[in-house]
Amino acid sequence: MDVRIGIVQSIKELEVELGEDVDREIVMGDIEEALQNSEGVLWLTDRKGRRVAVPVAKIAYVEVGAPVSERRVGFGAP
């Protein structure tokens, strides 16, 4: 599952690819909980085990994509 995070005053997005076994609802709950505190930090762990921290005050938006197994690439992709 991919999570894209837009950063305030930045053109680029931060994209974190989470593991296949991650529950989408739990991730969304963790993101919502982190966004409740503007002084906090959103921590995510990517599929390789690396930890990514983003200060909540700098987050413009968060986009939670479909699980990796549902992504299609190529001529048949919608």
PDB file of N, CA and C in Angstrom:
ATOM      1  N   MET A   1       0.850  -1.166   0.000  1.00  0.00           N
ATOM      2  CA  MET A   1       0.000   0.000   0.000  1.00  0.00           C
ATOM      3  C   MET A   1       0.898   1.231   0.000  1.00  0.00           C
ATOM      4  N   ASP A   2       0.554   2.196  -0.821  1.00  0.00           N
ATOM      5  CA  ASP A   2       1.301   3.445  -0.892  1.00  0.00           C
ATOM      6  C   ASP A   2       0.618   4.528  -0.072  1.00  0.00           C
ATOM      7  N   VAL A   3       1.434   5.340   0.587  1.00  0.00           N
ATOM      8  CA  VAL A   3       0.946   6.517   1.292  1.00  0.00           C
ATOM      9  C   VAL A   3       1.727   7.701   0.738  1.00  0.00           C
ATOM     10  N   ARG A   4       1.009   8.692   0.227  1.00  0.00           N
ATOM     11  CA  ARG A   4       1.635   9.910  -0.283  1.00  0.00           C
ATOM     12  C   ARG A   4       1.320  11.049   0.667  1.00  0.00           C
ATOM     13  N   ILE A   5       2.355  11.806   0.982  1.00  0.00           N
ATOM     14  CA  ILE A   5       2.204  12.911   1.920  1.00  0.00           C
ATOM     15  C   ILE A   5       2.684  14.180   1.240  1.00  0.00           C
ATOM     16  N   GLY A   6       1.793  15.153   1.138  1.00  0.00           N
ATOM     17  CA  GLY A   6       2.161  16.462   0.604  1.00  0.00           C
ATOM     18  C   GLY A   6       2.726  17.308   1.730  1.00  0.00           C
ATOM     19  N   ILE A   7       3.829  17.969   1.437  1.00  0.00           N
ATOM     20  CA  ILE A   7       4.500  18.795   2.430  1.00  0.00           C
ATOM     21  C   ILE A   7       4.221  20.266   2.123  1.00  0.00           C
ATOM     22  N   VAL A   8       3.920  21.041   3.160  1.00  0.00           N
ATOM     23  CA  VAL A   8       3.634  22.466   3.019  1.00  0.00           C
ATOM     24  C   VAL A   8       4.841  23.161   2.386  1.00  0.00           C
ATOM     25  N   GLN A   9       4.558  24.033   1.414  1.00  0.00           N
ATOM     26  CA  GLN A   9       5.558  24.832   0.707  1.00  0.00           C
ATOM     27  C   GLN A   9       6.628  23.984   0.020  1.00  0.00           C
ATOM     28  N   SER A  10       6.229  22.830  -0.492  1.00  0.00           N
ATOM     29  CA  SER A  10       7.131  21.969  -1.234  1.00  0.00           C
ATOM     30  C   SER A  10       6.401  21.415  -2.450  1.00  0.00           C
ATOM     31  N   ILE A  11       7.078  21.387  -3.575  1.00  0.00           N
ATOM     32  CA  ILE A  11       6.477  20.872  -4.798  1.00  0.00           C
ATOM     33  C   ILE A  11       6.381  19.351  -4.764  1.00  0.00           C
ATOM     34  N   LYS A  12       7.356  18.716  -4.156  1.00  0.00           N
ATOM     35  CA  LYS A  12       7.432  17.259  -4.159  1.00  0.00           C
ATOM     36  C   LYS A  12       6.578  16.634  -3.063  1.00  0.00           C
ATOM     37  N   GLU A  13       6.199  15.381  -3.311  1.00  0.00           N
ATOM     38  CA  GLU A  13       5.466  14.583  -2.325  1.00  0.00           C
ATOM     39  C   GLU A  13       6.427  13.569  -1.719  1.00  0.00           C
ATOM     40  N   LEU A  14       6.098  13.146  -0.530  1.00  0.00           N
ATOM     41  CA  LEU A  14       6.815  12.056   0.108  1.00  0.00           C
ATOM     42  C   LEU A  14       5.975  10.806  -0.105  1.00  0.00           C
ATOM     43  N   GLU A  15       6.543   9.780  -0.725  1.00  0.00           N
ATOM     44  CA  GLU A  15       5.802   8.547  -0.990  1.00  0.00           C
ATOM     45  C   GLU A  15       6.444   7.413  -0.207  1.00  0.00           C
ATOM     46  N   VAL A  16       5.616   6.743   0.600  1.00  0.00           N
ATOM     47  CA  VAL A  16       6.078   5.625   1.427  1.00  0.00           C
ATOM     48  C   VAL A  16       5.303   4.384   1.004  1.00  0.00           C
ATOM     49  N   GLU A  17       6.025   3.337   0.612  1.00  0.00           N
ATOM     50  CA  GLU A  17       5.384   2.079   0.235  1.00  0.00           C
ATOM     51  C   GLU A  17       5.405   1.162   1.451  1.00  0.00           C
ATOM     52  N   LEU A  18       4.228   0.913   2.003  1.00  0.00           N
ATOM     53  CA  LEU A  18       4.110   0.076   3.183  1.00  0.00           C
ATOM     54  C   LEU A  18       4.081  -1.395   2.783  1.00  0.00           C
ATOM     55  N   GLY A  19       4.291  -2.265   3.746  1.00  0.00           N
ATOM     56  CA  GLY A  19       4.281  -3.702   3.492  1.00  0.00           C
ATOM     57  C   GLY A  19       2.915  -4.201   3.055  1.00  0.00           C
ATOM     58  N   GLU A  20       2.905  -5.375   2.428  1.00  0.00           N
ATOM     59  CA  GLU A  20       1.667  -5.953   1.921  1.00  0.00           C
ATOM     60  C   GLU A  20       0.733  -6.422   3.033  1.00  0.00           C
ATOM     61  N   ASP A  21       1.290  -6.717   4.211  1.00  0.00           N
ATOM     62  CA  ASP A  21       0.487  -7.247   5.307  1.00  0.00           C
ATOM     63  C   ASP A  21      -0.114  -6.158   6.199  1.00  0.00           C
ATOM     64  N   VAL A  22       0.076  -4.894   5.843  1.00  0.00           N
ATOM     65  CA  VAL A  22      -0.415  -3.773   6.645  1.00  0.00           C
ATOM     66  C   VAL A  22      -1.915  -3.601   6.419  1.00  0.00           C
ATOM     67  N   ASP A  23      -2.654  -3.435   7.510  1.00  0.00           N
ATOM     68  CA  ASP A  23      -4.101  -3.226   7.437  1.00  0.00           C
ATOM     69  C   ASP A  23      -4.386  -1.748   7.152  1.00  0.00           C
ATOM     70  N   ARG A  24      -5.095  -1.490   6.062  1.00  0.00           N
ATOM     71  CA  ARG A  24      -5.394  -0.129   5.627  1.00  0.00           C
ATOM     72  C   ARG A  24      -6.121   0.676   6.701  1.00  0.00           C
ATOM     73  N   GLU A  25      -7.090   0.071   7.368  1.00  0.00           N
ATOM     74  CA  GLU A  25      -7.865   0.779   8.390  1.00  0.00           C
ATOM     75  C   GLU A  25      -6.998   1.180   9.586  1.00  0.00           C
ATOM     76  N   ILE A  26      -6.065   0.330   9.952  1.00  0.00           N
ATOM     77  CA  ILE A  26      -5.163   0.649  11.068  1.00  0.00           C
ATOM     78  C   ILE A  26      -4.258   1.814  10.691  1.00  0.00           C
ATOM     79  N   VAL A  27      -3.726   1.793   9.458  1.00  0.00           N
ATOM     80  CA  VAL A  27      -2.865   2.882   8.993  1.00  0.00           C
ATOM     81  C   VAL A  27      -3.640   4.194   8.980  1.00  0.00           C
ATOM     82  N   MET A  28      -4.850   4.162   8.458  1.00  0.00           N
ATOM     83  CA  MET A  28      -5.662   5.379   8.422  1.00  0.00           C
ATOM     84  C   MET A  28      -5.975   5.885   9.828  1.00  0.00           C
ATOM     85  N   GLY A  29      -6.220   4.982  10.744  1.00  0.00           N
ATOM     86  CA  GLY A  29      -6.453   5.372  12.136  1.00  0.00           C
ATOM     87  C   GLY A  29      -5.217   6.001  12.763  1.00  0.00           C
ATOM     88  N   ASP A  30      -4.054   5.428  12.483  1.00  0.00           N
ATOM     89  CA  ASP A  30      -2.794   5.986  12.998  1.00  0.00           C
ATOM     90  C   ASP A  30      -2.541   7.388  12.432  1.00  0.00           C
ATOM     91  N   ILE A  31      -2.846   7.575  11.146  1.00  0.00           N
ATOM     92  CA  ILE A  31      -2.662   8.890  10.522  1.00  0.00           C
ATOM     93  C   ILE A  31      -3.610   9.903  11.145  1.00  0.00           C
ATOM     94  N   GLU A  32      -4.872   9.532  11.302  1.00  0.00           N
ATOM     95  CA  GLU A  32      -5.848  10.442  11.907  1.00  0.00           C
ATOM     96  C   GLU A  32      -5.448  10.820  13.328  1.00  0.00           C
ATOM     97  N   GLU A  33      -4.967   9.841  14.083  1.00  0.00           N
ATOM     98  CA  GLU A  33      -4.540  10.100  15.464  1.00  0.00           C
ATOM     99  C   GLU A  33      -3.362  11.068  15.499  1.00  0.00           C
ATOM    100  N   ALA A  34      -2.395  10.868  14.601  1.00  0.00           N
ATOM    101  CA  ALA A  34      -1.226  11.758  14.561  1.00  0.00           C
ATOM    102  C   ALA A  34      -1.629  13.174  14.175  1.00  0.00           C
ATOM    103  N   LEU A  35      -2.584  13.310  13.260  1.00  0.00           N
ATOM    104  CA  LEU A  35      -2.993  14.633  12.791  1.00  0.00           C
ATOM    105  C   LEU A  35      -3.794  15.416  13.836  1.00  0.00           C
ATOM    106  N   GLN A  36      -4.225  14.778  14.905  1.00  0.00           N
ATOM    107  CA  GLN A  36      -4.958  15.454  15.969  1.00  0.00           C
ATOM    108  C   GLN A  36      -4.074  16.440  16.734  1.00  0.00           C
ATOM    109  N   ASN A  37      -2.774  16.166  16.779  1.00  0.00           N
ATOM    110  CA  ASN A  37      -1.835  16.990  17.538  1.00  0.00           C
ATOM    111  C   ASN A  37      -0.900  17.704  16.577  1.00  0.00           C
ATOM    112  N   SER A  38      -1.061  19.017  16.407  1.00  0.00           N
ATOM    113  CA  SER A  38      -0.244  19.762  15.450  1.00  0.00           C
ATOM    114  C   SER A  38       1.232  19.828  15.843  1.00  0.00           C
ATOM    115  N   GLU A  39       1.547  19.492  17.066  1.00  0.00           N
ATOM    116  CA  GLU A  39       2.935  19.473  17.530  1.00  0.00           C
ATOM    117  C   GLU A  39       3.579  18.099  17.348  1.00  0.00           C
ATOM    118  N   GLY A  40       2.794  17.109  16.928  1.00  0.00           N
ATOM    119  CA  GLY A  40       3.260  15.732  16.872  1.00  0.00           C
ATOM    120  C   GLY A  40       4.033  15.384  15.612  1.00  0.00           C
ATOM    121  N   VAL A  41       4.365  14.105  15.516  1.00  0.00           N
ATOM    122  CA  VAL A  41       5.104  13.551  14.386  1.00  0.00           C
ATOM    123  C   VAL A  41       4.371  12.308  13.898  1.00  0.00           C
ATOM    124  N   LEU A  42       4.208  12.188  12.581  1.00  0.00           N
ATOM    125  CA  LEU A  42       3.623  11.002  11.976  1.00  0.00           C
ATOM    126  C   LEU A  42       4.760  10.044  11.635  1.00  0.00           C
ATOM    127  N   TRP A  43       4.729   8.848  12.207  1.00  0.00           N
ATOM    128  CA  TRP A  43       5.740   7.822  11.944  1.00  0.00           C
ATOM    129  C   TRP A  43       5.131   6.727  11.091  1.00  0.00           C
ATOM    130  N   LEU A  44       5.820   6.360  10.019  1.00  0.00           N
ATOM    131  CA  LEU A  44       5.419   5.244   9.167  1.00  0.00           C
ATOM    132  C   LEU A  44       6.630   4.344   8.952  1.00  0.00           C
ATOM    133  N   THR A  45       6.394   3.050   8.785  1.00  0.00           N
ATOM    134  CA  THR A  45       7.456   2.089   8.511  1.00  0.00           C
ATOM    135  C   THR A  45       7.235   1.522   7.123  1.00  0.00           C
ATOM    136  N   ASP A  46       8.234   1.682   6.234  1.00  0.00           N
ATOM    137  CA  ASP A  46       8.063   1.196   4.869  1.00  0.00           C
ATOM    138  C   ASP A  46       8.283  -0.306   4.787  1.00  0.00           C
ATOM    139  N   ARG A  47       8.132  -0.863   3.594  1.00  0.00           N
ATOM    140  CA  ARG A  47       8.195  -2.316   3.416  1.00  0.00           C
ATOM    141  C   ARG A  47       9.576  -2.894   3.670  1.00  0.00           C
ATOM    142  N   LYS A  48      10.602  -2.049   3.677  1.00  0.00           N
ATOM    143  CA  LYS A  48      11.970  -2.511   3.960  1.00  0.00           C
ATOM    144  C   LYS A  48      12.346  -2.331   5.425  1.00  0.00           C
ATOM    145  N   GLY A  49      11.394  -1.845   6.231  1.00  0.00           N
ATOM    146  CA  GLY A  49      11.640  -1.681   7.652  1.00  0.00           C
ATOM    147  C   GLY A  49      12.199  -0.327   8.049  1.00  0.00           C
ATOM    148  N   ARG A  50      12.350   0.579   7.092  1.00  0.00           N
ATOM    149  CA  ARG A  50      12.849   1.923   7.415  1.00  0.00           C
ATOM    150  C   ARG A  50      11.728   2.746   8.024  1.00  0.00           C
ATOM    151  N   ARG A  51      12.075   3.549   9.015  1.00  0.00           N
ATOM    152  CA  ARG A  51      11.092   4.412   9.684  1.00  0.00           C
ATOM    153  C   ARG A  51      11.183   5.810   9.082  1.00  0.00           C
ATOM    154  N   VAL A  52      10.002   6.387   8.784  1.00  0.00           N
ATOM    155  CA  VAL A  52       9.913   7.719   8.201  1.00  0.00           C
ATOM    156  C   VAL A  52       9.105   8.582   9.155  1.00  0.00           C
ATOM    157  N   ALA A  53       9.636   9.753   9.469  1.00  0.00           N
ATOM    158  CA  ALA A  53       8.953  10.686  10.372  1.00  0.00           C
ATOM    159  C   ALA A  53       8.652  11.980   9.626  1.00  0.00           C
ATOM    160  N   VAL A  54       7.435  12.469   9.798  1.00  0.00           N
ATOM    161  CA  VAL A  54       7.027  13.734   9.190  1.00  0.00           C
ATOM    162  C   VAL A  54       6.374  14.586  10.269  1.00  0.00           C
ATOM    163  N   PRO A  55       6.882  15.805  10.499  1.00  0.00           N
ATOM    164  CA  PRO A  55       6.225  16.684  11.474  1.00  0.00           C
ATOM    165  C   PRO A  55       4.806  17.021  11.002  1.00  0.00           C
ATOM    166  N   VAL A  56       3.835  16.821  11.845  1.00  0.00           N
ATOM    167  CA  VAL A  56       2.430  17.016  11.485  1.00  0.00           C
ATOM    168  C   VAL A  56       2.164  18.454  11.034  1.00  0.00           C
ATOM    169  N   ALA A  57       2.849  19.411  11.606  1.00  0.00           N
ATOM    170  CA  ALA A  57       2.642  20.814  11.240  1.00  0.00           C
ATOM    171  C   ALA A  57       3.021  21.093   9.791  1.00  0.00           C
ATOM    172  N   LYS A  58       3.834  20.254   9.179  1.00  0.00           N
ATOM    173  CA  LYS A  58       4.286  20.451   7.797  1.00  0.00           C
ATOM    174  C   LYS A  58       3.479  19.646   6.782  1.00  0.00           C
ATOM    175  N   ILE A  59       2.480  18.873   7.224  1.00  0.00           N
ATOM    176  CA  ILE A  59       1.698  18.033   6.320  1.00  0.00           C
ATOM    177  C   ILE A  59       0.584  18.853   5.690  1.00  0.00           C
ATOM    178  N   ALA A  60       0.543  18.861   4.343  1.00  0.00           N
ATOM    179  CA  ALA A  60      -0.529  19.541   3.620  1.00  0.00           C
ATOM    180  C   ALA A  60      -1.687  18.578   3.376  1.00  0.00           C
ATOM    181  N   TYR A  61      -1.370  17.319   3.002  1.00  0.00           N
ATOM    182  CA  TYR A  61      -2.394  16.309   2.759  1.00  0.00           C
ATOM    183  C   TYR A  61      -1.767  14.925   2.836  1.00  0.00           C
ATOM    184  N   VAL A  62      -2.611  13.924   3.026  1.00  0.00           N
ATOM    185  CA  VAL A  62      -2.184  12.525   3.043  1.00  0.00           C
ATOM    186  C   VAL A  62      -3.120  11.752   2.127  1.00  0.00           C
ATOM    187  N   GLU A  63      -2.535  10.959   1.236  1.00  0.00           N
ATOM    188  CA  GLU A  63      -3.306  10.132   0.309  1.00  0.00           C
ATOM    189  C   GLU A  63      -2.927   8.679   0.561  1.00  0.00           C
ATOM    190  N   VAL A  64      -3.912   7.871   0.910  1.00  0.00           N
ATOM    191  CA  VAL A  64      -3.683   6.450   1.158  1.00  0.00           C
ATOM    192  C   VAL A  64      -4.183   5.683  -0.056  1.00  0.00           C
ATOM    193  N   GLY A  65      -3.272   4.988  -0.724  1.00  0.00           N
ATOM    194  CA  GLY A  65      -3.610   4.261  -1.943  1.00  0.00           C
ATOM    195  C   GLY A  65      -4.078   2.852  -1.664  1.00  0.00           C
ATOM    196  N   ALA A  66      -4.314   2.148  -2.743  1.00  0.00           N
ATOM    197  CA  ALA A  66      -4.741   0.753  -2.668  1.00  0.00           C
ATOM    198  C   ALA A  66      -3.565  -0.122  -2.267  1.00  0.00           C
ATOM    199  N   PRO A  67      -3.829  -1.298  -1.714  1.00  0.00           N
ATOM    200  CA  PRO A  67      -2.746  -2.234  -1.430  1.00  0.00           C
ATOM    201  C   PRO A  67      -1.962  -2.542  -2.698  1.00  0.00           C
ATOM    202  N   VAL A  68      -0.682  -2.849  -2.547  1.00  0.00           N
ATOM    203  CA  VAL A  68       0.210  -3.078  -3.679  1.00  0.00           C
ATOM    204  C   VAL A  68      -0.321  -4.157  -4.607  1.00  0.00           C
ATOM    205  N   SER A  69      -0.929  -5.198  -4.078  1.00  0.00           N
ATOM    206  CA  SER A  69      -1.412  -6.302  -4.896  1.00  0.00           C
ATOM    207  C   SER A  69      -2.535  -5.885  -5.846  1.00  0.00           C
ATOM    208  N   GLU A  70      -3.212  -4.771  -5.568  1.00  0.00           N
ATOM    209  CA  GLU A  70      -4.302  -4.312  -6.410  1.00  0.00           C
ATOM    210  C   GLU A  70      -3.847  -3.361  -7.509  1.00  0.00           C
ATOM    211  N   ARG A  71      -2.605  -2.902  -7.472  1.00  0.00           N
ATOM    212  CA  ARG A  71      -2.106  -1.994  -8.501  1.00  0.00           C
ATOM    213  C   ARG A  71      -1.831  -2.751  -9.779  1.00  0.00           C
ATOM    214  N   ARG A  72      -2.198  -2.133 -10.903  1.00  0.00           N
ATOM    215  CA  ARG A  72      -1.915  -2.728 -12.199  1.00  0.00           C
ATOM    216  C   ARG A  72      -1.105  -1.751 -13.022  1.00  0.00           C
ATOM    217  N   VAL A  73      -0.144  -2.283 -13.751  1.00  0.00           N
ATOM    218  CA  VAL A  73       0.713  -1.437 -14.572  1.00  0.00           C
ATOM    219  C   VAL A  73       0.705  -2.007 -15.982  1.00  0.00           C
ATOM    220  N   GLY A  74       0.734  -1.146 -16.978  1.00  0.00           N
ATOM    221  CA  GLY A  74       0.802  -1.592 -18.350  1.00  0.00           C
ATOM    222  C   GLY A  74      -0.393  -1.146 -19.159  1.00  0.00           C
ATOM    223  N   PHE A  75      -0.584  -1.799 -20.305  1.00  0.00           N
ATOM    224  CA  PHE A  75      -1.645  -1.398 -21.223  1.00  0.00           C
ATOM    225  C   PHE A  75      -3.039  -1.677 -20.663  1.00  0.00           C
ATOM    226  N   GLY A  76      -3.186  -2.644 -19.783  1.00  0.00           N
ATOM    227  CA  GLY A  76      -4.498  -2.978 -19.239  1.00  0.00           C
ATOM    228  C   GLY A  76      -4.883  -2.169 -18.022  1.00  0.00           C
ATOM    229  N   ALA A  77      -3.987  -1.289 -17.550  1.00  0.00           N
ATOM    230  CA  ALA A  77      -4.271  -0.505 -16.345  1.00  0.00           C
ATOM    231  C   ALA A  77      -5.321   0.554 -16.652  1.00  0.00           C
ATOM    232  N   PRO A  78      -6.246   0.794 -15.738  1.00  0.00           N
ATOM    233  CA  PRO A  78      -7.271   1.815 -15.960  1.00  0.00           C
ATOM    234  C   PRO A  78      -6.702   3.210 -15.871  1.00  0.00           C
TER     235      PRO A  78
END
